[in-house]
PDB file of N, CA and C in Angstrom:
ATOM      1  N   MET A   1      12.704 -31.346 -32.468  1.00  0.00           N
ATOM      2  CA  MET A   1      12.866 -30.432 -31.230  1.00  0.00           C
ATOM      3  C   MET A   1      14.355 -30.350 -31.059  1.00  0.00           C
ATOM      4  N   ASN A   2      14.763 -28.840 -30.862  1.00  0.00           N
ATOM      5  CA  ASN A   2      15.939 -28.497 -30.745  1.00  0.00           C
ATOM      6  C   ASN A   2      16.439 -28.668 -29.182  1.00  0.00           C
ATOM      7  N   GLU A   3      17.280 -30.043 -28.833  1.00  0.00           N
ATOM      8  CA  GLU A   3      17.331 -30.012 -27.573  1.00  0.00           C
ATOM      9  C   GLU A   3      18.804 -29.293 -27.229  1.00  0.00           C
ATOM     10  N   GLN A   4      18.767 -28.672 -26.019  1.00  0.00           N
ATOM     11  CA  GLN A   4      19.919 -28.010 -25.306  1.00  0.00           C
ATOM     12  C   GLN A   4      20.555 -28.764 -24.015  1.00  0.00           C
ATOM     13  N   GLN A   5      21.356 -28.794 -23.670  1.00  0.00           N
ATOM     14  CA  GLN A   5      21.822 -29.399 -22.364  1.00  0.00           C
ATOM     15  C   GLN A   5      22.816 -28.467 -21.603  1.00  0.00           C
ATOM     16  N   TYR A   6      22.589 -28.276 -20.289  1.00  0.00           N
ATOM     17  CA  TYR A   6      23.316 -27.470 -19.382  1.00  0.00           C
ATOM     18  C   TYR A   6      23.848 -28.201 -18.205  1.00  0.00           C
ATOM     19  N   VAL A   7      24.698 -28.384 -18.145  1.00  0.00           N
ATOM     20  CA  VAL A   7      25.556 -28.984 -16.896  1.00  0.00           C
ATOM     21  C   VAL A   7      25.917 -28.195 -15.908  1.00  0.00           C
ATOM     22  N   MET A   8      25.347 -28.079 -14.607  1.00  0.00           N
ATOM     23  CA  MET A   8      25.680 -27.042 -13.813  1.00  0.00           C
ATOM     24  C   MET A   8      26.226 -27.580 -12.370  1.00  0.00           C
ATOM     25  N   PRO A   9      26.883 -27.112 -11.650  1.00  0.00           N
ATOM     26  CA  PRO A   9      27.518 -27.941 -10.356  1.00  0.00           C
ATOM     27  C   PRO A   9      26.646 -27.313  -9.388  1.00  0.00           C
ATOM     28  N   ILE A  10      26.450 -28.337  -8.404  1.00  0.00           N
ATOM     29  CA  ILE A  10      25.758 -28.347  -7.175  1.00  0.00           C
ATOM     30  C   ILE A  10      26.509 -27.974  -6.004  1.00  0.00           C
ATOM     31  N   THR A  11      26.223 -27.061  -5.169  1.00  0.00           N
ATOM     32  CA  THR A  11      26.867 -26.500  -4.137  1.00  0.00           C
ATOM     33  C   THR A  11      26.712 -27.265  -3.017  1.00  0.00           C
ATOM     34  N   SER A  12      27.644 -26.986  -1.789  1.00  0.00           N
ATOM     35  CA  SER A  12      27.228 -27.973  -0.768  1.00  0.00           C
ATOM     36  C   SER A  12      26.168 -27.760   0.130  1.00  0.00           C
ATOM     37  N   LYS A  13      25.303 -26.811  -0.444  1.00  0.00           N
ATOM     38  CA  LYS A  13      23.941 -26.778   0.327  1.00  0.00           C
ATOM     39  C   LYS A  13      23.010 -27.286  -0.890  1.00  0.00           C
ATOM     40  N   GLY A  14      23.441 -27.750  -1.633  1.00  0.00           N
ATOM     41  CA  GLY A  14      22.094 -28.445  -2.474  1.00  0.00           C
ATOM     42  C   GLY A  14      21.796 -27.389  -3.731  1.00  0.00           C
ATOM     43  N   GLN A  15      22.133 -26.191  -4.074  1.00  0.00           N
ATOM     44  CA  GLN A  15      21.908 -25.426  -4.581  1.00  0.00           C
ATOM     45  C   GLN A  15      22.231 -25.643  -6.035  1.00  0.00           C
ATOM     46  N   VAL A  16      21.575 -24.894  -6.998  1.00  0.00           N
ATOM     47  CA  VAL A  16      22.048 -25.145  -8.319  1.00  0.00           C
ATOM     48  C   VAL A  16      21.786 -23.675  -9.117  1.00  0.00           C
ATOM     49  N   THR A  17      22.532 -23.161 -10.121  1.00  0.00           N
ATOM     50  CA  THR A  17      22.294 -21.808 -10.812  1.00  0.00           C
ATOM     51  C   THR A  17      21.622 -22.236 -12.138  1.00  0.00           C
ATOM     52  N   ILE A  18      20.375 -21.743 -12.318  1.00  0.00           N
ATOM     53  CA  ILE A  18      19.781 -21.752 -13.401  1.00  0.00           C
ATOM     54  C   ILE A  18      20.404 -20.797 -14.392  1.00  0.00           C
ATOM     55  N   PRO A  19      20.725 -21.478 -15.623  1.00  0.00           N
ATOM     56  CA  PRO A  19      21.670 -20.861 -16.503  1.00  0.00           C
ATOM     57  C   PRO A  19      20.780 -19.779 -17.318  1.00  0.00           C
ATOM     58  N   ALA A  20      21.561 -18.515 -17.544  1.00  0.00           N
ATOM     59  CA  ALA A  20      20.667 -17.513 -17.782  1.00  0.00           C
ATOM     60  C   ALA A  20      19.832 -17.760 -19.086  1.00  0.00           C
ATOM     61  N   ALA A  21      20.201 -18.305 -20.141  1.00  0.00           N
ATOM     62  CA  ALA A  21      19.456 -18.889 -21.097  1.00  0.00           C
ATOM     63  C   ALA A  21      18.338 -19.528 -20.821  1.00  0.00           C
ATOM     64  N   VAL A  22      18.044 -20.478 -19.935  1.00  0.00           N
ATOM     65  CA  VAL A  22      16.929 -21.046 -19.222  1.00  0.00           C
ATOM     66  C   VAL A  22      15.991 -19.952 -18.772  1.00  0.00           C
ATOM     67  N   ARG A  23      16.721 -19.343 -17.762  1.00  0.00           N
ATOM     68  CA  ARG A  23      15.917 -18.160 -17.255  1.00  0.00           C
ATOM     69  C   ARG A  23      15.005 -17.380 -18.107  1.00  0.00           C
ATOM     70  N   GLN A  24      15.837 -17.064 -19.321  1.00  0.00           N
ATOM     71  CA  GLN A  24      15.219 -16.215 -20.485  1.00  0.00           C
ATOM     72  C   GLN A  24      14.201 -17.056 -20.916  1.00  0.00           C
ATOM     73  N   LEU A  25      14.412 -18.142 -21.290  1.00  0.00           N
ATOM     74  CA  LEU A  25      13.346 -18.819 -21.934  1.00  0.00           C
ATOM     75  C   LEU A  25      12.039 -19.388 -21.195  1.00  0.00           C
ATOM     76  N   LEU A  26      12.345 -19.259 -19.757  1.00  0.00           N
ATOM     77  CA  LEU A  26      11.080 -19.333 -19.026  1.00  0.00           C
ATOM     78  C   LEU A  26      10.621 -18.171 -18.469  1.00  0.00           C
ATOM     79  N   GLY A  27      11.225 -17.124 -18.875  1.00  0.00           N
ATOM     80  CA  GLY A  27      10.526 -15.863 -18.327  1.00  0.00           C
ATOM     81  C   GLY A  27      10.645 -15.506 -16.792  1.00  0.00           C
ATOM     82  N   LEU A  28      11.872 -16.031 -16.169  1.00  0.00           N
ATOM     83  CA  LEU A  28      12.200 -15.896 -14.693  1.00  0.00           C
ATOM     84  C   LEU A  28      12.606 -14.491 -14.482  1.00  0.00           C
ATOM     85  N   LYS A  29      12.222 -14.010 -13.460  1.00  0.00           N
ATOM     86  CA  LYS A  29      12.755 -12.674 -12.948  1.00  0.00           C
ATOM     87  C   LYS A  29      13.290 -12.855 -11.399  1.00  0.00           C
ATOM     88  N   LYS A  30      14.168 -11.966 -11.083  1.00  0.00           N
ATOM     89  CA  LYS A  30      14.619 -12.120  -9.912  1.00  0.00           C
ATOM     90  C   LYS A  30      13.746 -12.269  -9.038  1.00  0.00           C
ATOM     91  N   SER A  31      13.666 -13.000  -7.719  1.00  0.00           N
ATOM     92  CA  SER A  31      12.955 -13.590  -6.737  1.00  0.00           C
ATOM     93  C   SER A  31      11.661 -14.236  -7.158  1.00  0.00           C
ATOM     94  N   GLY A  32      11.681 -14.748  -8.663  1.00  0.00           N
ATOM     95  CA  GLY A  32      10.606 -15.473  -9.240  1.00  0.00           C
ATOM     96  C   GLY A  32      10.587 -16.856  -8.449  1.00  0.00           C
ATOM     97  N   LYS A  33       9.746 -17.665  -8.847  1.00  0.00           N
ATOM     98  CA  LYS A  33       9.706 -19.173  -8.097  1.00  0.00           C
ATOM     99  C   LYS A  33       9.585 -20.037  -9.432  1.00  0.00           C
ATOM    100  N   VAL A  34       9.888 -21.185  -9.147  1.00  0.00           N
ATOM    101  CA  VAL A  34       9.947 -22.452 -10.147  1.00  0.00           C
ATOM    102  C   VAL A  34       9.556 -23.646  -9.394  1.00  0.00           C
ATOM    103  N   ALA A  35       8.623 -24.369 -10.047  1.00  0.00           N
ATOM    104  CA  ALA A  35       8.044 -25.601  -9.641  1.00  0.00           C
ATOM    105  C   ALA A  35       9.141 -26.741  -9.954  1.00  0.00           C
ATOM    106  N   PHE A  36       9.321 -27.691  -9.362  1.00  0.00           N
ATOM    107  CA  PHE A  36      10.028 -29.213  -9.762  1.00  0.00           C
ATOM    108  C   PHE A  36       9.083 -30.030  -9.646  1.00  0.00           C
ATOM    109  N   ARG A  37       8.808 -30.545 -10.835  1.00  0.00           N
ATOM    110  CA  ARG A  37       8.060 -31.742 -11.187  1.00  0.00           C
ATOM    111  C   ARG A  37       8.731 -32.977 -11.207  1.00  0.00           C
ATOM    112  N   VAL A  38       8.495 -33.827 -10.467  1.00  0.00           N
ATOM    113  CA  VAL A  38       9.134 -35.136 -10.698  1.00  0.00           C
ATOM    114  C   VAL A  38       8.216 -36.363 -11.156  1.00  0.00           C
ATOM    115  N   LYS A  39       8.542 -36.995 -12.360  1.00  0.00           N
ATOM    116  CA  LYS A  39       7.750 -38.078 -12.575  1.00  0.00           C
ATOM    117  C   LYS A  39       8.637 -38.993 -13.181  1.00  0.00           C
ATOM    118  N   GLY A  40       8.793 -40.403 -12.706  1.00  0.00           N
ATOM    119  CA  GLY A  40       9.762 -41.202 -13.157  1.00  0.00           C
ATOM    120  C   GLY A  40      11.092 -40.964 -12.716  1.00  0.00           C
ATOM    121  N   GLY A  41      11.919 -40.978 -13.658  1.00  0.00           N
ATOM    122  CA  GLY A  41      13.213 -40.624 -13.341  1.00  0.00           C
ATOM    123  C   GLY A  41      13.683 -39.084 -13.777  1.00  0.00           C
ATOM    124  N   ALA A  42      12.587 -38.452 -14.330  1.00  0.00           N
ATOM    125  CA  ALA A  42      12.949 -37.186 -15.040  1.00  0.00           C
ATOM    126  C   ALA A  42      12.256 -36.181 -13.981  1.00  0.00           C
ATOM    127  N   VAL A  43      12.978 -34.990 -14.152  1.00  0.00           N
ATOM    128  CA  VAL A  43      12.505 -33.541 -13.506  1.00  0.00           C
ATOM    129  C   VAL A  43      12.413 -32.581 -14.293  1.00  0.00           C
ATOM    130  N   THR A  44      11.323 -32.005 -14.154  1.00  0.00           N
ATOM    131  CA  THR A  44      11.041 -30.712 -15.198  1.00  0.00           C
ATOM    132  C   THR A  44      11.019 -29.549 -14.063  1.00  0.00           C
ATOM    133  N   VAL A  45      11.447 -28.177 -14.862  1.00  0.00           N
ATOM    134  CA  VAL A  45      11.315 -27.084 -14.178  1.00  0.00           C
ATOM    135  C   VAL A  45      10.283 -25.984 -14.824  1.00  0.00           C
ATOM    136  N   GLU A  46       9.214 -25.527 -14.092  1.00  0.00           N
ATOM    137  CA  GLU A  46       8.472 -24.725 -14.701  1.00  0.00           C
ATOM    138  C   GLU A  46       8.291 -23.684 -14.030  1.00  0.00           C
ATOM    139  N   PRO A  47       8.086 -22.305 -14.621  1.00  0.00           N
ATOM    140  CA  PRO A  47       7.970 -21.018 -13.831  1.00  0.00           C
ATOM    141  C   PRO A  47       6.640 -21.145 -13.012  1.00  0.00           C
ATOM    142  N   VAL A  48       6.433 -20.208 -11.817  1.00  0.00           N
ATOM    143  CA  VAL A  48       5.438 -20.492 -10.963  1.00  0.00           C
ATOM    144  C   VAL A  48       4.813 -18.897 -11.195  1.00  0.00           C
ATOM    145  N   GLN A  49       3.601 -18.865 -11.677  1.00  0.00           N
ATOM    146  CA  GLN A  49       3.071 -17.583 -11.912  1.00  0.00           C
ATOM    147  C   GLN A  49       2.209 -17.107 -10.489  1.00  0.00           C
ATOM    148  N   ALA A  50       2.736 -15.955 -10.225  1.00  0.00           N
ATOM    149  CA  ALA A  50       2.291 -15.300  -8.966  1.00  0.00           C
ATOM    150  C   ALA A  50       0.750 -14.747  -9.191  1.00  0.00           C
ATOM    151  N   THR A  51      -0.458 -15.170  -8.513  1.00  0.00           N
ATOM    152  CA  THR A  51      -1.522 -14.936  -8.753  1.00  0.00           C
ATOM    153  C   THR A  51      -2.068 -14.424  -7.263  1.00  0.00           C
ATOM    154  N   LEU A  52      -3.292 -13.857  -7.392  1.00  0.00           N
ATOM    155  CA  LEU A  52      -3.824 -13.349  -6.187  1.00  0.00           C
ATOM    156  C   LEU A  52      -4.658 -14.585  -5.872  1.00  0.00           C
ATOM    157  N   GLN A  53      -5.092 -15.469  -6.700  1.00  0.00           N
ATOM    158  CA  GLN A  53      -5.789 -16.787  -6.336  1.00  0.00           C
ATOM    159  C   GLN A  53      -4.777 -17.632  -5.790  1.00  0.00           C
ATOM    160  N   ALA A  54      -3.745 -17.773  -6.108  1.00  0.00           N
ATOM    161  CA  ALA A  54      -2.557 -18.732  -5.728  1.00  0.00           C
ATOM    162  C   ALA A  54      -2.274 -18.402  -4.132  1.00  0.00           C
ATOM    163  N   ALA A  55      -2.200 -16.940  -3.875  1.00  0.00           N
ATOM    164  CA  ALA A  55      -1.909 -16.366  -2.631  1.00  0.00           C
ATOM    165  C   ALA A  55      -3.186 -16.401  -1.588  1.00  0.00           C
ATOM    166  N   TYR A  56      -4.126 -16.836  -1.974  1.00  0.00           N
ATOM    167  CA  TYR A  56      -5.376 -16.808  -1.124  1.00  0.00           C
ATOM    168  C   TYR A  56      -5.285 -17.838   0.020  1.00  0.00           C
ATOM    169  N   GLY A  57      -5.420 -17.406   1.221  1.00  0.00           N
ATOM    170  CA  GLY A  57      -5.407 -18.071   2.567  1.00  0.00           C
ATOM    171  C   GLY A  57      -3.889 -17.904   3.106  1.00  0.00           C
ATOM    172  N   ALA A  58      -3.048 -17.366   2.559  1.00  0.00           N
ATOM    173  CA  ALA A  58      -1.617 -16.983   2.805  1.00  0.00           C
ATOM    174  C   ALA A  58      -1.460 -16.271   4.110  1.00  0.00           C
ATOM    175  N   VAL A  59      -2.265 -15.400   4.169  1.00  0.00           N
ATOM    176  CA  VAL A  59      -2.370 -14.441   5.417  1.00  0.00           C
ATOM    177  C   VAL A  59      -3.494 -14.792   5.930  1.00  0.00           C
ATOM    178  N   THR A  60      -3.284 -15.042   7.416  1.00  0.00           N
ATOM    179  CA  THR A  60      -4.507 -14.972   8.211  1.00  0.00           C
ATOM    180  C   THR A  60      -4.891 -13.516   8.680  1.00  0.00           C
ATOM    181  N   PRO A  61      -6.418 -13.077   8.452  1.00  0.00           N
ATOM    182  CA  PRO A  61      -6.797 -11.986   8.599  1.00  0.00           C
ATOM    183  C   PRO A  61      -6.704 -11.623  10.234  1.00  0.00           C
ATOM    184  N   LEU A  62      -6.581 -10.372  10.503  1.00  0.00           N
ATOM    185  CA  LEU A  62      -6.772  -9.973  11.850  1.00  0.00           C
ATOM    186  C   LEU A  62      -7.929 -10.189  12.497  1.00  0.00           C
ATOM    187  N   SER A  63      -9.063 -10.361  11.866  1.00  0.00           N
ATOM    188  CA  SER A  63     -10.524 -10.336  12.277  1.00  0.00           C
ATOM    189  C   SER A  63     -11.237 -11.443  11.365  1.00  0.00           C
ATOM    190  N   ARG A  64     -12.155 -12.219  12.119  1.00  0.00           N
ATOM    191  CA  ARG A  64     -12.892 -12.805  10.912  1.00  0.00           C
ATOM    192  C   ARG A  64     -14.595 -12.718  11.625  1.00  0.00           C
ATOM    193  N   PRO A  65     -15.381 -12.430  10.779  1.00  0.00           N
ATOM    194  CA  PRO A  65     -15.550 -12.470   9.330  1.00  0.00           C
ATOM    195  C   PRO A  65     -14.853 -10.909   8.804  1.00  0.00           C
ATOM    196  N   GLU A  66     -14.151 -10.996   7.730  1.00  0.00           N
ATOM    197  CA  GLU A  66     -13.601  -9.886   7.492  1.00  0.00           C
ATOM    198  C   GLU A  66     -14.707  -8.652   7.039  1.00  0.00           C
ATOM    199  N   ASP A  67     -14.197  -7.641   7.339  1.00  0.00           N
ATOM    200  CA  ASP A  67     -15.133  -6.364   7.183  1.00  0.00           C
ATOM    201  C   ASP A  67     -14.813  -5.598   5.633  1.00  0.00           C
ATOM    202  N   PHE A  68     -15.235  -6.118   4.678  1.00  0.00           N
ATOM    203  CA  PHE A  68     -15.245  -5.709   3.473  1.00  0.00           C
ATOM    204  C   PHE A  68     -15.362  -4.269   3.102  1.00  0.00           C
ATOM    205  N   GLU A  69     -16.316  -3.544   3.737  1.00  0.00           N
ATOM    206  CA  GLU A  69     -16.536  -2.368   3.614  1.00  0.00           C
ATOM    207  C   GLU A  69     -15.410  -1.293   4.264  1.00  0.00           C
ATOM    208  N   ARG A  70     -14.941  -1.776   5.576  1.00  0.00           N
ATOM    209  CA  ARG A  70     -13.933  -0.967   6.224  1.00  0.00           C
ATOM    210  C   ARG A  70     -12.620  -1.278   5.256  1.00  0.00           C
ATOM    211  N   ILE A  71     -12.523  -2.454   4.947  1.00  0.00           N
ATOM    212  CA  ILE A  71     -11.116  -2.603   4.152  1.00  0.00           C
ATOM    213  C   ILE A  71     -11.256  -1.680   2.603  1.00  0.00           C
ATOM    214  N   SER A  72     -12.307  -1.322   2.099  1.00  0.00           N
ATOM    215  CA  SER A  72     -12.445  -0.648   0.997  1.00  0.00           C
ATOM    216  C   SER A  72     -12.336   0.905   1.701  1.00  0.00           C
ATOM    217  N   GLU A  73     -13.007   1.008   2.453  1.00  0.00           N
ATOM    218  CA  GLU A  73     -12.496   2.702   3.264  1.00  0.00           C
ATOM    219  C   GLU A  73     -11.002   2.872   3.351  1.00  0.00           C
ATOM    220  N   ILE A  74     -10.120   1.806   3.780  1.00  0.00           N
ATOM    221  CA  ILE A  74      -8.822   1.880   4.078  1.00  0.00           C
ATOM    222  C   ILE A  74      -8.071   2.132   2.892  1.00  0.00           C
ATOM    223  N   VAL A  75      -8.377   1.190   1.824  1.00  0.00           N
ATOM    224  CA  VAL A  75      -7.809   1.258   0.707  1.00  0.00           C
ATOM    225  C   VAL A  75      -8.167   2.678  -0.142  1.00  0.00           C
ATOM    226  N   GLN A  76      -9.212   3.171   0.058  1.00  0.00           N
ATOM    227  CA  GLN A  76      -9.392   4.320  -0.602  1.00  0.00           C
ATOM    228  C   GLN A  76      -8.759   5.618   0.068  1.00  0.00           C
ATOM    229  N   GLU A  77      -8.631   5.581   1.456  1.00  0.00           N
ATOM    230  CA  GLU A  77      -7.960   6.368   2.192  1.00  0.00           C
ATOM    231  C   GLU A  77      -6.453   6.382   1.711  1.00  0.00           C
ATOM    232  N   GLU A  78      -5.872   5.172   1.820  1.00  0.00           N
ATOM    233  CA  GLU A  78      -4.331   5.014   1.400  1.00  0.00           C
ATOM    234  C   GLU A  78      -4.030   5.667   0.040  1.00  0.00           C
ATOM    235  N   GLN A  79      -5.106   5.349  -0.794  1.00  0.00           N
ATOM    236  CA  GLN A  79      -4.924   5.893  -2.188  1.00  0.00           C
ATOM    237  C   GLN A  79      -4.693   7.380  -2.273  1.00  0.00           C
ATOM    238  N   ALA A  80      -5.895   8.105  -1.467  1.00  0.00           N
ATOM    239  CA  ALA A  80      -5.990   9.394  -1.461  1.00  0.00           C
ATOM    240  C   ALA A  80      -4.879   9.889  -0.806  1.00  0.00           C
ATOM    241  N   LEU A  81      -4.348   9.475   0.266  1.00  0.00           N
ATOM    242  CA  LEU A  81      -3.236   9.948   0.899  1.00  0.00           C
ATOM    243  C   LEU A  81      -1.708   9.759  -0.094  1.00  0.00           C
ATOM    244  N   ARG A  82      -1.812   8.620  -0.900  1.00  0.00           N
ATOM    245  CA  ARG A  82      -0.691   8.676  -1.731  1.00  0.00           C
ATOM    246  C   ARG A  82      -0.652   9.639  -2.940  1.00  0.00           C
ATOM    247  N   ALA A  83      -1.866   9.908  -3.400  1.00  0.00           N
ATOM    248  CA  ALA A  83      -2.269  10.890  -4.165  1.00  0.00           C
ATOM    249  C   ALA A  83      -1.740  12.259  -3.654  1.00  0.00           C
ATOM    250  N   VAL A  84      -2.270  12.657  -2.737  1.00  0.00           N
ATOM    251  CA  VAL A  84      -1.744  13.739  -2.062  1.00  0.00           C
ATOM    252  C   VAL A  84      -0.287  14.166  -1.958  1.00  0.00           C
ATOM    253  N   GLN A  85       0.494  12.924  -1.646  1.00  0.00           N
ATOM    254  CA  GLN A  85       1.793  12.915  -1.324  1.00  0.00           C
ATOM    255  C   GLN A  85       2.610  13.094  -2.671  1.00  0.00           C
ATOM    256  N   ARG A  86       2.126  12.552  -3.819  1.00  0.00           N
ATOM    257  CA  ARG A  86       2.716  12.754  -5.105  1.00  0.00           C
ATOM    258  C   ARG A  86       2.733  14.051  -5.412  1.00  0.00           C
ATOM    259  N   GLY A  87       1.356  14.786  -5.160  1.00  0.00           N
ATOM    260  CA  GLY A  87       1.307  15.798  -5.605  1.00  0.00           C
ATOM    261  C   GLY A  87       2.061  17.197  -5.024  1.00  0.00           C
ATOM    262  N   ALA A  88       2.689  16.623  -3.652  1.00  0.00           N
ATOM    263  CA  ALA A  88       3.261  17.822  -2.814  1.00  0.00           C
ATOM    264  C   ALA A  88       4.623  17.579  -3.571  1.00  0.00           C
TER     265      ALA A  88
END
């Protein structure tokens, strides 16, 4: 395995810049997220993929139970409105 080492400074706020080569290797984009895994005396950094499943429960619905038929209607109305606005 070809091992690379990058030594980066830590700011007064505890921040570290992830080197461009590492960001590219991990496929990290601006505003992306990483997970730090600590095992023994080692830390690994892994990209976090944003998924709908991972976001489940992150937002509290305005009402319960959710009215999925109404939500579907709202989505269809929004899509129709955007289609009309694009055509204008």
